[in-house]
Amino acid sequence: MRGDRVEIVIDAGGEVRTYDIVATRNGRRVEIETGRALVTVTEVTRTGNPVRTARFMASRVLALVEHPAADLKVAHAVTEP
């Protein structure tokens, strides 16, 4: 769903880097695959075609946080009067 976001925090040898992968259009979603040595985050279309892919070494991943788009709608409804 548009607005889905995955935040990846990586140990880059002495510093920490953060990457965001976001579903940029309607009908797209973000999928995560974890394997032995790789973590793959992919933005895909409704039909399952990959749009963009990011791969990270699993040993370097410090945190992987999913932010569903539905959370944004709930947060706005609660904070608005």
N, C-alpha and C. Protein backbone atom coordinates (compact mmCIF):
# COMPACT_ATOMS: atom_id res chain seq x y z
N MET A 1 0.84 -1.17 0.00
CA MET A 1 0.00 0.00 0.00
C MET A 1 0.89 1.24 0.00
N ARG A 2 0.48 2.23 -0.73
CA ARG A 2 1.27 3.46 -0.80
C ARG A 2 1.50 3.99 0.61
N GLY A 3 2.74 4.35 0.89
CA GLY A 3 3.09 4.87 2.21
C GLY A 3 3.74 3.84 3.10
N ASP A 4 3.64 2.53 2.74
CA ASP A 4 4.37 1.52 3.50
C ASP A 4 5.84 1.87 3.47
N ARG A 5 6.51 1.68 4.59
CA ARG A 5 7.92 2.06 4.67
C ARG A 5 8.66 1.04 5.52
N VAL A 6 9.88 0.73 5.10
CA VAL A 6 10.76 -0.14 5.87
C VAL A 6 12.04 0.64 6.13
N GLU A 7 12.43 0.70 7.40
CA GLU A 7 13.64 1.41 7.81
C GLU A 7 14.69 0.36 8.17
N ILE A 8 15.88 0.45 7.59
CA ILE A 8 16.95 -0.50 7.82
C ILE A 8 18.13 0.25 8.43
N VAL A 9 18.62 -0.22 9.57
CA VAL A 9 19.76 0.39 10.24
C VAL A 9 20.94 -0.57 10.08
N ILE A 10 22.05 -0.05 9.54
CA ILE A 10 23.21 -0.86 9.18
C ILE A 10 24.45 -0.41 9.95
N ASP A 11 25.26 -1.37 10.38
CA ASP A 11 26.58 -1.08 10.94
C ASP A 11 27.54 -0.97 9.76
N ALA A 12 28.07 0.24 9.56
CA ALA A 12 28.95 0.48 8.41
C ALA A 12 30.41 0.62 8.84
N GLY A 13 30.81 -0.16 9.81
CA GLY A 13 32.20 -0.13 10.25
C GLY A 13 32.58 1.18 10.93
N GLY A 14 32.15 1.37 12.13
CA GLY A 14 32.48 2.59 12.86
C GLY A 14 31.40 3.65 12.83
N GLU A 15 30.42 3.48 12.00
CA GLU A 15 29.28 4.41 11.96
C GLU A 15 28.00 3.62 11.66
N VAL A 16 26.89 4.26 11.92
CA VAL A 16 25.59 3.64 11.68
C VAL A 16 24.90 4.40 10.56
N ARG A 17 24.37 3.66 9.59
CA ARG A 17 23.64 4.28 8.47
C ARG A 17 22.20 3.77 8.48
N THR A 18 21.31 4.65 8.07
CA THR A 18 19.89 4.30 8.01
C THR A 18 19.39 4.46 6.58
N TYR A 19 18.65 3.46 6.12
CA TYR A 19 18.06 3.48 4.78
C TYR A 19 16.55 3.30 4.91
N ASP A 20 15.79 3.99 4.05
CA ASP A 20 14.34 3.86 4.00
C ASP A 20 13.94 3.38 2.62
N ILE A 21 13.10 2.35 2.58
CA ILE A 21 12.51 1.89 1.33
C ILE A 21 11.01 2.15 1.47
N VAL A 22 10.45 2.91 0.52
CA VAL A 22 9.06 3.37 0.63
C VAL A 22 8.27 2.94 -0.61
N ALA A 23 7.03 2.50 -0.39
CA ALA A 23 6.11 2.23 -1.50
C ALA A 23 5.63 3.58 -2.01
N THR A 24 6.06 3.96 -3.22
CA THR A 24 5.88 5.33 -3.70
C THR A 24 4.58 5.60 -4.45
N ARG A 25 3.90 4.57 -4.90
CA ARG A 25 2.66 4.78 -5.67
C ARG A 25 1.56 3.88 -5.16
N ASN A 26 0.32 4.20 -5.55
CA ASN A 26 -0.81 3.37 -5.16
C ASN A 26 -0.66 1.96 -5.71
N GLY A 27 -0.99 0.98 -4.91
CA GLY A 27 -0.93 -0.41 -5.36
C GLY A 27 0.41 -1.07 -5.15
N ARG A 28 1.41 -0.32 -4.75
CA ARG A 28 2.72 -0.91 -4.50
C ARG A 28 2.87 -1.25 -3.02
N ARG A 29 3.71 -2.23 -2.76
CA ARG A 29 3.95 -2.64 -1.38
C ARG A 29 5.43 -2.94 -1.22
N VAL A 30 5.86 -3.08 0.02
CA VAL A 30 7.25 -3.38 0.33
C VAL A 30 7.30 -4.78 0.93
N GLU A 31 8.16 -5.63 0.37
CA GLU A 31 8.32 -7.00 0.86
C GLU A 31 9.73 -7.19 1.40
N ILE A 32 9.86 -8.02 2.43
CA ILE A 32 11.15 -8.29 3.05
C ILE A 32 11.42 -9.78 2.98
N GLU A 33 12.62 -10.14 2.57
CA GLU A 33 13.06 -11.53 2.56
C GLU A 33 14.34 -11.61 3.38
N THR A 34 14.41 -12.59 4.26
CA THR A 34 15.65 -12.81 5.01
C THR A 34 16.17 -14.18 4.67
N GLY A 35 17.45 -14.24 4.41
CA GLY A 35 18.10 -15.50 4.09
C GLY A 35 19.28 -15.69 5.01
N ARG A 36 20.15 -16.60 4.64
CA ARG A 36 21.33 -16.87 5.47
C ARG A 36 22.25 -15.66 5.57
N ALA A 37 22.60 -15.11 4.45
CA ALA A 37 23.59 -14.04 4.46
C ALA A 37 23.04 -12.70 3.99
N LEU A 38 21.81 -12.67 3.47
CA LEU A 38 21.25 -11.43 2.91
C LEU A 38 19.88 -11.11 3.46
N VAL A 39 19.63 -9.82 3.58
CA VAL A 39 18.29 -9.29 3.84
C VAL A 39 17.94 -8.49 2.61
N THR A 40 16.83 -8.84 1.96
CA THR A 40 16.41 -8.17 0.73
C THR A 40 15.09 -7.45 0.97
N VAL A 41 15.06 -6.16 0.65
CA VAL A 41 13.84 -5.36 0.77
C VAL A 41 13.48 -4.90 -0.64
N THR A 42 12.25 -5.20 -1.07
CA THR A 42 11.84 -4.93 -2.45
C THR A 42 10.51 -4.19 -2.48
N GLU A 43 10.44 -3.15 -3.31
CA GLU A 43 9.17 -2.50 -3.61
C GLU A 43 8.60 -3.19 -4.83
N VAL A 44 7.38 -3.72 -4.72
CA VAL A 44 6.78 -4.47 -5.81
C VAL A 44 5.42 -3.88 -6.20
N THR A 45 5.02 -4.12 -7.47
CA THR A 45 3.73 -3.68 -7.97
C THR A 45 2.64 -4.67 -7.56
N ARG A 46 1.41 -4.37 -7.93
CA ARG A 46 0.29 -5.27 -7.63
C ARG A 46 0.49 -6.66 -8.22
N THR A 47 1.12 -6.71 -9.39
CA THR A 47 1.31 -7.99 -10.07
C THR A 47 2.55 -8.74 -9.59
N GLY A 48 3.33 -8.12 -8.69
CA GLY A 48 4.50 -8.78 -8.14
C GLY A 48 5.80 -8.46 -8.84
N ASN A 49 5.77 -7.54 -9.79
CA ASN A 49 7.00 -7.15 -10.48
C ASN A 49 7.82 -6.22 -9.59
N PRO A 50 9.11 -6.51 -9.40
CA PRO A 50 9.93 -5.63 -8.55
C PRO A 50 10.22 -4.30 -9.22
N VAL A 51 10.12 -3.23 -8.45
CA VAL A 51 10.41 -1.88 -8.94
C VAL A 51 11.82 -1.49 -8.53
N ARG A 52 12.12 -1.67 -7.23
CA ARG A 52 13.48 -1.41 -6.74
C ARG A 52 13.79 -2.40 -5.64
N THR A 53 15.05 -2.74 -5.53
CA THR A 53 15.48 -3.74 -4.57
C THR A 53 16.72 -3.24 -3.83
N ALA A 54 16.76 -3.49 -2.53
CA ALA A 54 17.94 -3.18 -1.72
C ALA A 54 18.36 -4.46 -1.01
N ARG A 55 19.67 -4.76 -1.07
CA ARG A 55 20.19 -5.96 -0.42
C ARG A 55 21.24 -5.56 0.61
N PHE A 56 21.17 -6.19 1.77
CA PHE A 56 22.10 -5.90 2.85
C PHE A 56 22.63 -7.21 3.42
N MET A 57 23.89 -7.19 3.86
CA MET A 57 24.45 -8.35 4.52
C MET A 57 23.76 -8.51 5.87
N ALA A 58 23.25 -9.70 6.15
CA ALA A 58 22.49 -9.94 7.37
C ALA A 58 23.34 -9.68 8.62
N SER A 59 24.63 -9.94 8.54
CA SER A 59 25.50 -9.73 9.70
C SER A 59 25.68 -8.25 10.04
N ARG A 60 25.38 -7.35 9.10
CA ARG A 60 25.53 -5.91 9.31
C ARG A 60 24.24 -5.21 9.71
N VAL A 61 23.10 -5.90 9.60
CA VAL A 61 21.81 -5.30 9.91
C VAL A 61 21.63 -5.23 11.43
N LEU A 62 21.46 -4.02 11.95
CA LEU A 62 21.23 -3.82 13.37
C LEU A 62 19.74 -3.81 13.70
N ALA A 63 18.94 -3.21 12.81
CA ALA A 63 17.50 -3.12 13.04
C ALA A 63 16.78 -3.07 11.70
N LEU A 64 15.59 -3.66 11.70
CA LEU A 64 14.73 -3.67 10.52
C LEU A 64 13.33 -3.35 11.03
N VAL A 65 12.85 -2.15 10.72
CA VAL A 65 11.58 -1.66 11.29
C VAL A 65 10.58 -1.44 10.16
N GLU A 66 9.41 -2.06 10.28
CA GLU A 66 8.34 -1.87 9.30
C GLU A 66 7.37 -0.81 9.80
N HIS A 67 7.03 0.12 8.93
CA HIS A 67 6.06 1.18 9.24
C HIS A 67 4.90 1.06 8.25
N PRO A 68 3.82 0.34 8.61
CA PRO A 68 2.68 0.22 7.69
C PRO A 68 1.99 1.56 7.48
N ALA A 69 1.45 1.77 6.30
CA ALA A 69 0.76 3.02 5.97
C ALA A 69 -0.47 3.21 6.84
N ALA A 70 -1.10 2.15 7.29
CA ALA A 70 -2.29 2.26 8.13
C ALA A 70 -1.99 2.98 9.43
N ASP A 71 -0.77 2.86 9.94
CA ASP A 71 -0.39 3.55 11.17
C ASP A 71 -0.44 5.06 11.01
N LEU A 72 -0.11 5.56 9.82
CA LEU A 72 -0.14 6.99 9.58
C LEU A 72 -1.56 7.53 9.69
N LYS A 73 -2.54 6.81 9.16
CA LYS A 73 -3.93 7.26 9.21
C LYS A 73 -4.43 7.30 10.65
N VAL A 74 -4.10 6.30 11.44
CA VAL A 74 -4.52 6.24 12.85
C VAL A 74 -3.87 7.37 13.63
N ALA A 75 -2.59 7.62 13.41
CA ALA A 75 -1.88 8.68 14.13
C ALA A 75 -2.48 10.04 13.83
N HIS A 76 -2.84 10.31 12.57
CA HIS A 76 -3.44 11.60 12.22
C HIS A 76 -4.83 11.75 12.83
N ALA A 77 -5.58 10.67 12.90
CA ALA A 77 -6.94 10.73 13.45
C ALA A 77 -6.89 11.01 14.95
N VAL A 78 -5.89 10.50 15.63
CA VAL A 78 -5.79 10.70 17.08
C VAL A 78 -5.30 12.09 17.41
N THR A 79 -4.38 12.64 16.64
CA THR A 79 -3.79 13.93 16.97
C THR A 79 -4.64 15.12 16.53
N GLU A 80 -5.53 14.92 15.56
CA GLU A 80 -6.35 16.03 15.10
C GLU A 80 -7.56 16.19 16.02
N PRO A 81 -7.97 17.44 16.29
CA PRO A 81 -9.12 17.67 17.19
C PRO A 81 -10.44 17.29 16.57
